[in-house]
Each structure stands twice: as structure tokens, then as C-alpha cells.
């Protein structure tokens, strides 16, 4: 059996063909998830599409509550990038979770992985996952936003004066966050995810 090598020209053509056939939304994900072996819930697809179509060029923050599948949502995004021939993806996580991430990406999404033990920051789009975007202070949201783009809210003093001080513009903060933060609560997906 002959094994054909895909040249960079062919790779660009296939990526173009994939994006040409799928205009966006769910169509964009259909071919990317062809080999996935995981049951997806609607809120996970919605979050992945939000991350892929985020108006900010530098990324998004998915902040679903614990147990709602942020790892799956991020994996969907990675599958789509891989289908578009964007193969250099970096997952930064605590050392204790490295093997778990690698195993899930390989077993559930058929994505090859390589564990890197080095301190480096990817200059590409960033997808952050957290179940607790805010615990003690609004400044935690500011800190997370700077990981995506340090110009989103200006400096910390501006953020503090606009949003964190007493009488801050919380409605304005919600509007600003909606462009790069997607959060799902358990009570919003009770029909798909059962809890004991």
C-alpha cells in the first residue's frame, strides 16, 4: 500500500476546503468532531462555538461551574483548530493534571499530545478555563483578563475605579466581560447533566 505525503500546499487546500464547506456554527465543528468518542451536551458545543467565534482576537475565558465539562469544551476547540491544520496547540495546566489532559485528549478526541515541562507562554490565542472566575474580589477578573489581553481594561487603577470600588458600574462590567467570558451554571443545564 502506498503512503501519500500531504504537502504544505495540499494541507492549505484541505483547510480551505473545510472552511469553505462549513460556513460557521455547528457546521464548522462537524468534521472536526468526526473521531471524537464522547457524548457532548448542548452547552459544551455552545461554549466551544463562543470561544471559536469570540470577537476578541486573543481568546476567551470559559468559566462553567465545576463538573460541566470545561475540558471537553477546550478539546472541541482544539479539534477544530487541528481540522484547520493549526497543529501547534499548547495546554498549560498544573503539573498534577498534565497526564490527565494528555490521556483525555488522546482517548476521547484522538488528538496526539506531547507533554512539555518548560516555562513558556504561547503568543497565540488563549483559552482559559476556570470554575471559579471570582471568589474574593473583582480584581481576580481583572487578573484573568490580563492573561488574554492586558489592554482589555487598561491598568489596574482604572479597573478598580470603574468597577471594584463601591458603586462601581457592574452592568458595564458585565457587558465588557460578555465579549470574552462564557459561563454556564448547573441550573441552566439540569436536563443534560444530572447531579447526585
N, C-alpha and C. Protein backbone atom coordinates (compact mmCIF):
# COMPACT_ATOMS: atom_id res chain seq x y z
N UNK A 1 0.84 -1.17 0.00
CA UNK A 1 0.00 0.00 0.00
C UNK A 1 0.89 1.24 0.00
N UNK A 2 0.61 2.16 -0.89
CA UNK A 2 1.37 3.41 -0.96
C UNK A 2 0.88 4.38 0.10
N UNK A 3 1.84 5.01 0.74
CA UNK A 3 1.50 6.03 1.74
C UNK A 3 1.79 7.38 1.12
N UNK A 4 0.75 8.21 0.95
CA UNK A 4 0.95 9.52 0.33
C UNK A 4 1.27 10.56 1.39
N UNK A 5 2.17 11.43 1.03
CA UNK A 5 2.57 12.51 1.93
C UNK A 5 1.78 13.75 1.56
N UNK A 6 1.22 14.40 2.56
CA UNK A 6 0.48 15.64 2.32
C UNK A 6 1.47 16.79 2.35
N UNK A 7 1.56 17.49 1.25
CA UNK A 7 2.46 18.63 1.16
C UNK A 7 1.82 19.84 1.82
N UNK A 8 2.61 20.87 2.14
CA UNK A 8 2.02 22.10 2.71
C UNK A 8 0.95 22.70 1.79
N UNK A 9 1.15 22.59 0.48
CA UNK A 9 0.14 23.09 -0.45
C UNK A 9 -1.18 22.35 -0.27
N UNK A 10 -1.11 21.01 -0.20
CA UNK A 10 -2.32 20.21 -0.02
C UNK A 10 -2.97 20.49 1.33
N UNK A 11 -2.16 20.67 2.36
CA UNK A 11 -2.70 20.96 3.69
C UNK A 11 -3.50 22.27 3.66
N UNK A 12 -2.95 23.29 3.00
CA UNK A 12 -3.68 24.56 2.88
C UNK A 12 -4.96 24.39 2.09
N UNK A 13 -4.91 23.57 1.04
CA UNK A 13 -6.11 23.33 0.23
C UNK A 13 -7.18 22.63 1.06
N UNK A 14 -6.79 21.58 1.82
CA UNK A 14 -7.77 20.86 2.63
C UNK A 14 -8.36 21.77 3.70
N UNK A 15 -7.53 22.60 4.32
CA UNK A 15 -8.03 23.53 5.33
C UNK A 15 -9.01 24.52 4.70
N UNK A 16 -8.65 25.02 3.51
CA UNK A 16 -9.55 25.93 2.80
C UNK A 16 -10.87 25.22 2.47
N UNK A 17 -10.78 23.98 2.00
CA UNK A 17 -11.97 23.23 1.64
C UNK A 17 -12.87 23.00 2.86
N UNK A 18 -12.25 22.71 4.00
CA UNK A 18 -13.04 22.53 5.23
C UNK A 18 -13.78 23.81 5.59
N UNK A 19 -13.10 24.94 5.55
CA UNK A 19 -13.75 26.19 5.92
C UNK A 19 -14.75 26.65 4.87
N UNK A 20 -14.51 26.29 3.60
CA UNK A 20 -15.43 26.67 2.54
C UNK A 20 -16.74 25.90 2.67
N UNK A 21 -16.65 24.62 3.01
CA UNK A 21 -17.85 23.79 3.14
C UNK A 21 -18.65 24.14 4.38
N UNK A 22 -17.99 24.55 5.43
CA UNK A 22 -18.71 24.89 6.66
C UNK A 22 -18.66 26.39 6.86
N UNK A 23 -19.83 26.99 6.85
CA UNK A 23 -19.91 28.44 6.92
C UNK A 23 -19.76 28.96 8.34
N UNK A 24 -19.88 28.12 9.31
CA UNK A 24 -19.74 28.56 10.69
C UNK A 24 -20.67 27.77 11.58
N UNK A 25 -20.69 28.12 12.86
CA UNK A 25 -21.57 27.45 13.79
C UNK A 25 -21.30 25.96 13.88
N UNK A 26 -22.38 25.19 14.01
CA UNK A 26 -22.23 23.75 14.16
C UNK A 26 -21.59 23.09 12.96
N UNK A 27 -21.83 23.63 11.75
CA UNK A 27 -21.20 23.07 10.57
C UNK A 27 -19.69 23.11 10.67
N UNK A 28 -19.17 24.16 11.31
CA UNK A 28 -17.72 24.30 11.45
C UNK A 28 -17.14 23.17 12.28
N UNK A 29 -17.92 22.68 13.25
CA UNK A 29 -17.42 21.65 14.15
C UNK A 29 -17.66 20.23 13.67
N UNK A 30 -18.57 20.03 12.74
CA UNK A 30 -18.97 18.66 12.40
C UNK A 30 -17.81 17.79 11.94
N UNK A 31 -16.98 18.28 11.04
CA UNK A 31 -15.87 17.46 10.57
C UNK A 31 -14.77 17.35 11.62
N UNK A 32 -14.62 18.36 12.43
CA UNK A 32 -13.57 18.33 13.46
C UNK A 32 -13.85 17.28 14.52
N UNK A 33 -15.12 17.01 14.79
CA UNK A 33 -15.50 16.07 15.85
C UNK A 33 -15.83 14.68 15.34
N UNK A 34 -15.49 14.41 14.09
CA UNK A 34 -15.84 13.13 13.47
C UNK A 34 -15.32 11.94 14.28
N UNK A 35 -14.09 12.03 14.79
CA UNK A 35 -13.48 10.91 15.51
C UNK A 35 -13.67 10.97 17.02
N UNK A 36 -14.35 11.97 17.53
CA UNK A 36 -14.50 12.11 18.98
C UNK A 36 -15.34 10.97 19.55
N UNK A 37 -14.92 10.47 20.71
CA UNK A 37 -15.67 9.40 21.37
C UNK A 37 -16.13 9.87 22.74
N UNK A 38 -16.97 10.89 22.71
CA UNK A 38 -17.50 11.46 23.94
C UNK A 38 -18.91 11.96 23.65
N UNK A 39 -19.79 11.82 24.63
CA UNK A 39 -21.15 12.36 24.48
C UNK A 39 -21.12 13.84 24.83
N UNK A 40 -21.50 14.65 23.86
CA UNK A 40 -21.46 16.10 24.05
C UNK A 40 -22.82 16.62 24.47
N UNK A 41 -22.82 17.63 25.31
CA UNK A 41 -24.04 18.31 25.73
C UNK A 41 -24.14 19.64 24.99
N UNK A 42 -25.35 20.13 24.77
CA UNK A 42 -25.53 21.38 24.03
C UNK A 42 -24.74 22.55 24.58
N UNK A 43 -24.65 22.67 25.92
CA UNK A 43 -23.92 23.82 26.48
C UNK A 43 -22.42 23.74 26.17
N UNK A 44 -21.90 22.52 25.97
CA UNK A 44 -20.48 22.37 25.64
C UNK A 44 -20.22 22.81 24.20
N UNK A 45 -21.11 22.45 23.30
CA UNK A 45 -20.98 22.90 21.91
C UNK A 45 -21.10 24.42 21.85
N UNK A 46 -22.07 24.96 22.59
CA UNK A 46 -22.29 26.41 22.60
C UNK A 46 -21.05 27.15 23.12
N UNK A 47 -20.43 26.62 24.17
CA UNK A 47 -19.23 27.26 24.73
C UNK A 47 -18.06 27.19 23.75
N UNK A 48 -17.90 26.05 23.08
CA UNK A 48 -16.82 25.92 22.10
C UNK A 48 -17.01 26.88 20.94
N UNK A 49 -18.24 26.99 20.47
CA UNK A 49 -18.53 27.95 19.38
C UNK A 49 -18.27 29.37 19.84
N UNK A 50 -18.62 29.69 21.09
CA UNK A 50 -18.35 31.01 21.65
C UNK A 50 -16.85 31.30 21.60
N UNK A 51 -16.05 30.32 22.03
CA UNK A 51 -14.59 30.51 22.05
C UNK A 51 -14.04 30.66 20.64
N UNK A 52 -14.56 29.88 19.70
CA UNK A 52 -14.07 29.94 18.32
C UNK A 52 -14.48 31.23 17.62
N UNK A 53 -15.63 31.76 17.99
CA UNK A 53 -16.14 32.95 17.31
C UNK A 53 -16.02 34.22 18.16
N UNK A 54 -15.21 34.16 19.20
CA UNK A 54 -15.02 35.30 20.09
C UNK A 54 -14.55 36.52 19.29
N UNK A 55 -15.19 37.67 19.53
CA UNK A 55 -14.78 38.86 18.79
C UNK A 55 -13.37 39.35 19.14
N UNK A 56 -12.87 38.92 20.27
CA UNK A 56 -11.51 39.30 20.65
C UNK A 56 -10.53 38.36 19.96
N UNK A 57 -9.54 38.91 19.33
CA UNK A 57 -8.60 38.06 18.59
C UNK A 57 -7.68 37.27 19.50
N UNK A 58 -7.60 37.64 20.77
CA UNK A 58 -6.65 36.99 21.65
C UNK A 58 -7.23 35.89 22.52
N UNK A 59 -8.54 35.61 22.43
CA UNK A 59 -9.05 34.47 23.17
C UNK A 59 -10.34 34.69 23.91
N UNK A 60 -10.63 33.75 24.80
CA UNK A 60 -11.87 33.76 25.57
C UNK A 60 -11.63 33.06 26.89
N UNK A 61 -12.54 33.23 27.81
CA UNK A 61 -12.49 32.58 29.12
C UNK A 61 -13.77 31.79 29.29
N UNK A 62 -13.65 30.47 29.45
CA UNK A 62 -14.80 29.62 29.71
C UNK A 62 -14.83 29.35 31.21
N UNK A 63 -15.92 29.74 31.87
CA UNK A 63 -15.96 29.72 33.33
C UNK A 63 -17.14 28.93 33.87
N UNK A 64 -17.48 27.82 33.24
CA UNK A 64 -18.58 26.98 33.73
C UNK A 64 -18.27 26.48 35.13
N UNK A 65 -19.33 26.15 35.87
CA UNK A 65 -19.14 25.60 37.21
C UNK A 65 -18.43 24.25 37.12
N UNK A 66 -17.94 23.79 38.26
CA UNK A 66 -17.22 22.53 38.36
C UNK A 66 -18.09 21.39 37.82
N UNK A 67 -17.50 20.53 37.02
CA UNK A 67 -18.17 19.33 36.55
C UNK A 67 -19.02 19.48 35.30
N UNK A 68 -19.03 20.65 34.68
CA UNK A 68 -19.86 20.84 33.49
C UNK A 68 -19.10 20.61 32.18
N UNK A 69 -17.82 20.31 32.25
CA UNK A 69 -17.10 19.89 31.05
C UNK A 69 -16.25 20.94 30.37
N UNK A 70 -15.53 21.75 31.14
CA UNK A 70 -14.65 22.75 30.52
C UNK A 70 -13.54 22.08 29.72
N UNK A 71 -13.05 20.94 30.20
CA UNK A 71 -12.02 20.20 29.48
C UNK A 71 -12.56 19.75 28.12
N UNK A 72 -13.78 19.28 28.09
CA UNK A 72 -14.40 18.86 26.84
C UNK A 72 -14.57 20.06 25.91
N UNK A 73 -15.01 21.18 26.45
CA UNK A 73 -15.20 22.39 25.64
C UNK A 73 -13.88 22.82 25.00
N UNK A 74 -12.81 22.82 25.79
CA UNK A 74 -11.50 23.20 25.26
C UNK A 74 -11.02 22.18 24.23
N UNK A 75 -11.31 20.92 24.44
CA UNK A 75 -10.91 19.88 23.49
C UNK A 75 -11.64 20.05 22.16
N UNK A 76 -12.89 20.46 22.21
CA UNK A 76 -13.64 20.72 20.97
C UNK A 76 -12.95 21.82 20.18
N UNK A 77 -12.55 22.88 20.88
CA UNK A 77 -11.84 23.99 20.22
C UNK A 77 -10.54 23.48 19.60
N UNK A 78 -9.80 22.65 20.34
CA UNK A 78 -8.55 22.12 19.81
C UNK A 78 -8.79 21.22 18.60
N UNK A 79 -9.87 20.43 18.62
CA UNK A 79 -10.20 19.59 17.46
C UNK A 79 -10.44 20.45 16.23
N UNK A 80 -11.15 21.55 16.41
CA UNK A 80 -11.42 22.43 15.28
C UNK A 80 -10.14 23.04 14.74
N UNK A 81 -9.29 23.51 15.64
CA UNK A 81 -8.01 24.08 15.19
C UNK A 81 -7.19 23.02 14.44
N UNK A 82 -7.20 21.80 14.93
CA UNK A 82 -6.45 20.73 14.25
C UNK A 82 -7.04 20.46 12.87
N UNK A 83 -8.36 20.48 12.75
CA UNK A 83 -9.00 20.27 11.45
C UNK A 83 -8.63 21.39 10.48
N UNK A 84 -8.36 22.57 11.02
CA UNK A 84 -7.95 23.71 10.19
C UNK A 84 -6.44 23.74 9.99
N UNK A 85 -5.77 22.65 10.37
CA UNK A 85 -4.32 22.47 10.21
C UNK A 85 -3.51 23.42 11.09
N UNK A 86 -4.10 23.91 12.16
CA UNK A 86 -3.35 24.68 13.15
C UNK A 86 -2.95 23.68 14.23
N UNK A 87 -1.76 23.15 14.09
CA UNK A 87 -1.35 22.00 14.88
C UNK A 87 -0.55 22.33 16.13
N UNK A 88 -0.04 23.53 16.25
CA UNK A 88 0.79 23.87 17.40
C UNK A 88 -0.07 24.47 18.50
N UNK A 89 -0.63 23.59 19.34
CA UNK A 89 -1.52 24.00 20.42
C UNK A 89 -0.83 23.69 21.74
N UNK A 90 -0.98 24.55 22.70
CA UNK A 90 -0.33 24.40 23.99
C UNK A 90 -1.37 24.45 25.10
N UNK A 91 -1.40 23.42 25.94
CA UNK A 91 -2.26 23.39 27.12
C UNK A 91 -1.37 23.63 28.32
N UNK A 92 -1.65 24.69 29.05
CA UNK A 92 -0.90 24.99 30.28
C UNK A 92 -1.80 24.64 31.44
N UNK A 93 -1.34 23.73 32.29
CA UNK A 93 -2.14 23.28 33.43
C UNK A 93 -1.21 22.92 34.57
N UNK A 94 -1.77 22.75 35.76
CA UNK A 94 -0.92 22.31 36.88
C UNK A 94 -0.25 20.98 36.56
N UNK A 95 0.95 20.79 37.10
CA UNK A 95 1.71 19.56 36.82
C UNK A 95 0.90 18.31 37.14
N UNK A 96 0.08 18.37 38.16
CA UNK A 96 -0.70 17.19 38.56
C UNK A 96 -1.77 16.81 37.54
N UNK A 97 -2.10 17.72 36.62
CA UNK A 97 -3.14 17.43 35.63
C UNK A 97 -2.60 17.13 34.23
N UNK A 98 -1.28 17.23 34.04
CA UNK A 98 -0.70 17.04 32.70
C UNK A 98 -1.08 15.70 32.08
N UNK A 99 -0.89 14.62 32.82
CA UNK A 99 -1.17 13.29 32.26
C UNK A 99 -2.66 13.10 32.02
N UNK A 100 -3.49 13.63 32.91
CA UNK A 100 -4.94 13.53 32.72
C UNK A 100 -5.37 14.23 31.43
N UNK A 101 -4.87 15.45 31.19
CA UNK A 101 -5.18 16.17 29.96
C UNK A 101 -4.73 15.37 28.73
N UNK A 102 -3.48 14.89 28.77
CA UNK A 102 -2.95 14.14 27.63
C UNK A 102 -3.79 12.90 27.35
N UNK A 103 -4.15 12.18 28.39
CA UNK A 103 -4.94 10.96 28.23
C UNK A 103 -6.32 11.27 27.65
N UNK A 104 -6.98 12.30 28.17
CA UNK A 104 -8.32 12.65 27.67
C UNK A 104 -8.28 13.12 26.22
N UNK A 105 -7.28 13.92 25.88
CA UNK A 105 -7.17 14.40 24.50
C UNK A 105 -6.95 13.24 23.52
N UNK A 106 -6.13 12.28 23.94
CA UNK A 106 -5.84 11.15 23.06
C UNK A 106 -7.01 10.17 22.98
N UNK A 107 -7.57 9.80 24.15
CA UNK A 107 -8.62 8.78 24.17
C UNK A 107 -9.97 9.28 23.67
N UNK A 108 -10.36 10.47 24.08
CA UNK A 108 -11.70 10.97 23.76
C UNK A 108 -11.77 11.73 22.44
N UNK A 109 -10.67 12.37 22.03
CA UNK A 109 -10.71 13.22 20.85
C UNK A 109 -9.69 12.85 19.78
N UNK A 110 -8.94 11.78 20.03
CA UNK A 110 -7.95 11.31 19.05
C UNK A 110 -6.96 12.42 18.67
N UNK A 111 -6.59 13.23 19.64
CA UNK A 111 -5.61 14.30 19.43
C UNK A 111 -4.26 13.86 19.99
N UNK A 112 -3.24 13.80 19.16
CA UNK A 112 -1.92 13.43 19.67
C UNK A 112 -1.39 14.49 20.63
N UNK A 113 -0.71 14.05 21.67
CA UNK A 113 -0.20 15.00 22.67
C UNK A 113 1.27 14.74 22.94
N UNK A 114 1.90 15.75 23.44
CA UNK A 114 3.30 15.68 23.87
C UNK A 114 3.40 16.56 25.11
N UNK A 115 3.83 16.00 26.23
CA UNK A 115 3.92 16.76 27.47
C UNK A 115 5.24 17.52 27.50
N UNK A 116 5.14 18.82 27.68
CA UNK A 116 6.31 19.70 27.72
C UNK A 116 6.48 20.19 29.15
N UNK A 117 7.66 20.04 29.67
CA UNK A 117 7.97 20.55 31.01
C UNK A 117 8.87 21.76 30.89
N UNK A 118 8.30 22.89 30.56
CA UNK A 118 9.09 24.10 30.40
C UNK A 118 8.22 25.31 30.69
N UNK A 119 8.84 26.38 31.14
CA UNK A 119 8.12 27.62 31.38
C UNK A 119 8.14 28.44 30.11
N UNK A 120 6.97 28.54 29.49
CA UNK A 120 6.87 29.35 28.28
C UNK A 120 5.44 29.83 28.13
N UNK A 121 5.25 30.90 27.41
CA UNK A 121 3.91 31.42 27.16
C UNK A 121 3.67 31.41 25.66
N UNK A 122 2.50 30.89 25.26
CA UNK A 122 2.15 30.88 23.84
C UNK A 122 1.74 32.27 23.43
N UNK A 123 2.25 32.76 22.27
CA UNK A 123 1.90 34.08 21.77
C UNK A 123 0.63 34.05 20.93
N UNK A 124 -0.05 32.92 20.91
CA UNK A 124 -1.25 32.74 20.10
C UNK A 124 -2.51 32.99 20.94
N UNK A 125 -3.66 32.68 20.35
CA UNK A 125 -4.93 32.83 21.08
C UNK A 125 -4.88 32.03 22.38
N UNK A 126 -5.54 32.52 23.40
CA UNK A 126 -5.53 31.91 24.71
C UNK A 126 -6.94 31.50 25.09
N UNK A 127 -7.10 30.28 25.58
CA UNK A 127 -8.38 29.82 26.09
C UNK A 127 -8.17 29.43 27.54
N UNK A 128 -8.75 30.20 28.45
CA UNK A 128 -8.63 29.94 29.87
C UNK A 128 -9.86 29.20 30.36
N UNK A 129 -9.67 28.29 31.31
CA UNK A 129 -10.77 27.56 31.91
C UNK A 129 -10.73 27.76 33.41
N UNK A 130 -11.87 28.08 34.01
CA UNK A 130 -11.96 28.18 35.45
C UNK A 130 -13.40 27.98 35.89
N UNK A 131 -13.57 27.25 36.97
CA UNK A 131 -14.91 27.11 37.54
C UNK A 131 -15.18 28.24 38.53
N UNK A 132 -14.13 28.92 38.93
CA UNK A 132 -14.27 29.99 39.92
C UNK A 132 -13.61 31.27 39.42
N UNK A 133 -14.26 31.96 38.47
CA UNK A 133 -13.65 33.19 37.95
C UNK A 133 -13.59 34.30 38.99
N UNK A 134 -14.38 34.16 40.02
CA UNK A 134 -14.43 35.19 41.06
C UNK A 134 -14.72 34.52 42.39
N UNK A 135 -13.83 34.72 43.36
CA UNK A 135 -14.08 34.18 44.69
C UNK A 135 -14.10 35.28 45.74
N UNK A 136 -13.11 36.15 45.71
CA UNK A 136 -12.99 37.12 46.79
C UNK A 136 -13.07 38.58 46.34
N UNK A 137 -12.64 38.86 45.11
CA UNK A 137 -12.53 40.24 44.69
C UNK A 137 -12.70 40.36 43.18
N UNK A 138 -13.28 41.47 42.73
CA UNK A 138 -13.40 41.72 41.29
C UNK A 138 -12.04 41.82 40.62
N UNK A 139 -11.02 42.10 41.39
CA UNK A 139 -9.67 42.19 40.82
C UNK A 139 -9.20 40.84 40.28
N UNK A 140 -9.80 39.73 40.76
CA UNK A 140 -9.48 38.43 40.20
C UNK A 140 -9.88 38.37 38.73
N UNK A 141 -11.03 38.95 38.40
CA UNK A 141 -11.45 39.03 36.99
C UNK A 141 -10.47 39.86 36.18
N UNK A 142 -10.00 40.94 36.75
CA UNK A 142 -9.00 41.76 36.07
C UNK A 142 -7.75 40.94 35.77
N UNK A 143 -7.29 40.18 36.76
CA UNK A 143 -6.10 39.36 36.58
C UNK A 143 -6.27 38.33 35.47
N UNK A 144 -7.42 37.67 35.41
CA UNK A 144 -7.68 36.70 34.35
C UNK A 144 -7.73 37.38 32.98
N UNK A 145 -8.34 38.56 32.95
CA UNK A 145 -8.46 39.26 31.66
C UNK A 145 -7.09 39.64 31.11
N UNK A 146 -6.15 39.95 31.98
CA UNK A 146 -4.82 40.34 31.50
C UNK A 146 -4.06 39.17 30.88
N UNK A 147 -4.44 37.94 31.23
CA UNK A 147 -3.81 36.77 30.59
C UNK A 147 -4.25 36.64 29.14
N UNK A 148 -5.44 37.15 28.82
CA UNK A 148 -5.94 37.12 27.45
C UNK A 148 -5.40 38.33 26.68
N UNK A 149 -5.59 39.51 27.27
CA UNK A 149 -5.11 40.74 26.63
C UNK A 149 -4.99 41.79 27.72
N UNK A 150 -3.78 42.25 27.98
CA UNK A 150 -3.58 43.18 29.10
C UNK A 150 -4.12 44.58 28.82
N UNK A 151 -4.73 44.78 27.65
CA UNK A 151 -5.31 46.09 27.33
C UNK A 151 -6.83 46.11 27.43
N UNK A 152 -7.45 45.01 27.82
CA UNK A 152 -8.92 44.93 27.86
C UNK A 152 -9.54 45.97 28.79
N UNK A 153 -8.94 46.16 29.94
CA UNK A 153 -9.50 47.09 30.94
C UNK A 153 -8.55 48.21 31.30
N UNK A 154 -7.46 48.34 30.61
CA UNK A 154 -6.48 49.36 30.99
C UNK A 154 -5.68 48.90 32.19
N UNK A 155 -5.19 49.84 32.97
CA UNK A 155 -4.40 49.45 34.14
C UNK A 155 -5.32 49.11 35.31
N UNK A 156 -4.71 48.54 36.35
CA UNK A 156 -5.49 48.06 37.50
C UNK A 156 -6.21 49.21 38.22
N UNK A 157 -5.58 50.38 38.25
CA UNK A 157 -6.24 51.52 38.93
C UNK A 157 -7.50 51.95 38.19
N UNK A 158 -7.47 51.94 36.87
CA UNK A 158 -8.66 52.28 36.08
C UNK A 158 -9.75 51.26 36.32
N UNK A 159 -9.38 49.98 36.31
CA UNK A 159 -10.37 48.92 36.55
C UNK A 159 -10.99 49.09 37.93
N UNK A 160 -10.13 49.31 38.92
CA UNK A 160 -10.61 49.46 40.30
C UNK A 160 -11.57 50.64 40.42
N UNK A 161 -11.23 51.78 39.81
CA UNK A 161 -12.10 52.96 39.94
C UNK A 161 -13.42 52.80 39.19
N UNK A 162 -13.41 52.08 38.08
CA UNK A 162 -14.65 51.89 37.31
C UNK A 162 -15.56 50.80 37.88
N UNK A 163 -14.97 49.71 38.37
CA UNK A 163 -15.79 48.55 38.70
C UNK A 163 -15.66 48.05 40.13
N UNK A 164 -14.49 48.10 40.73
CA UNK A 164 -14.27 47.45 42.01
C UNK A 164 -14.62 48.31 43.22
N UNK A 165 -14.61 49.61 43.07
CA UNK A 165 -14.95 50.48 44.20
C UNK A 165 -16.45 50.46 44.46
N UNK A 166 -16.84 50.89 45.63
CA UNK A 166 -18.27 50.94 45.97
C UNK A 166 -19.01 51.77 44.93
N UNK A 167 -20.15 51.26 44.50
CA UNK A 167 -20.94 51.97 43.48
C UNK A 167 -20.39 51.81 42.08
N UNK A 168 -19.55 50.80 41.86
CA UNK A 168 -18.96 50.56 40.54
C UNK A 168 -20.02 50.18 39.51
N UNK A 169 -19.70 50.35 38.27
CA UNK A 169 -20.62 50.08 37.15
C UNK A 169 -20.62 48.58 36.83
N UNK A 170 -21.37 47.79 37.62
CA UNK A 170 -21.40 46.35 37.42
C UNK A 170 -22.08 45.95 36.11
N UNK A 171 -23.08 46.71 35.68
CA UNK A 171 -23.74 46.43 34.39
C UNK A 171 -22.74 46.64 33.26
N UNK A 172 -21.95 47.68 33.35
CA UNK A 172 -20.91 47.94 32.34
C UNK A 172 -19.86 46.84 32.34
N UNK A 173 -19.49 46.36 33.54
CA UNK A 173 -18.53 45.27 33.64
C UNK A 173 -19.08 44.00 32.99
N UNK A 174 -20.36 43.68 33.24
CA UNK A 174 -20.97 42.51 32.61
C UNK A 174 -20.94 42.61 31.08
N UNK A 175 -21.22 43.79 30.57
CA UNK A 175 -21.18 43.99 29.11
C UNK A 175 -19.77 43.75 28.57
N UNK A 176 -18.77 44.32 29.24
CA UNK A 176 -17.38 44.15 28.80
C UNK A 176 -16.96 42.68 28.87
N UNK A 177 -17.36 41.99 29.94
CA UNK A 177 -16.99 40.59 30.11
C UNK A 177 -17.67 39.69 29.07
N UNK A 178 -18.88 40.04 28.65
CA UNK A 178 -19.63 39.18 27.73
C UNK A 178 -18.92 38.99 26.39
N UNK A 179 -17.99 39.85 26.06
CA UNK A 179 -17.29 39.69 24.78
C UNK A 179 -16.20 38.62 24.85
N UNK A 180 -15.78 38.21 26.06
CA UNK A 180 -14.73 37.19 26.14
C UNK A 180 -14.92 36.17 27.25
N UNK A 181 -16.04 36.23 27.99
CA UNK A 181 -16.30 35.27 29.06
C UNK A 181 -17.61 34.55 28.78
N UNK A 182 -17.60 33.23 28.87
CA UNK A 182 -18.80 32.41 28.73
C UNK A 182 -18.92 31.57 29.98
N UNK A 183 -20.04 31.67 30.69
CA UNK A 183 -20.24 30.92 31.93
C UNK A 183 -21.58 30.21 31.89
N UNK A 184 -21.56 28.92 32.21
CA UNK A 184 -22.78 28.12 32.31
C UNK A 184 -22.92 27.67 33.76
N UNK A 185 -24.11 27.77 34.28
CA UNK A 185 -24.40 27.34 35.65
C UNK A 185 -25.14 26.01 35.61
N UNK A 186 -25.04 25.23 36.67
CA UNK A 186 -25.70 23.92 36.72
C UNK A 186 -27.20 24.02 36.48
N UNK A 187 -27.82 25.02 37.06
CA UNK A 187 -29.28 25.12 36.92
C UNK A 187 -29.71 25.42 35.48
N UNK A 188 -28.79 25.79 34.63
CA UNK A 188 -29.10 26.06 33.22
C UNK A 188 -29.04 24.79 32.37
N UNK A 189 -28.43 23.73 32.87
CA UNK A 189 -28.25 22.52 32.07
C UNK A 189 -28.74 21.27 32.79
N UNK A 190 -29.65 21.44 33.70
CA UNK A 190 -30.12 20.32 34.52
C UNK A 190 -30.71 19.18 33.68
N UNK A 191 -31.26 19.50 32.51
CA UNK A 191 -31.83 18.44 31.67
C UNK A 191 -30.76 17.60 30.98
N UNK A 192 -29.54 18.09 30.90
CA UNK A 192 -28.46 17.37 30.23
C UNK A 192 -27.47 16.73 31.20
N UNK A 193 -27.27 17.37 32.34
CA UNK A 193 -26.27 16.90 33.30
C UNK A 193 -26.99 16.64 34.62
N UNK A 194 -27.00 15.39 35.04
CA UNK A 194 -27.68 15.03 36.30
C UNK A 194 -26.66 14.99 37.42
N UNK A 195 -27.05 15.50 38.57
CA UNK A 195 -26.18 15.51 39.74
C UNK A 195 -26.82 14.69 40.84
N UNK A 196 -25.97 14.00 41.60
CA UNK A 196 -26.48 13.22 42.73
C UNK A 196 -26.21 13.95 44.01
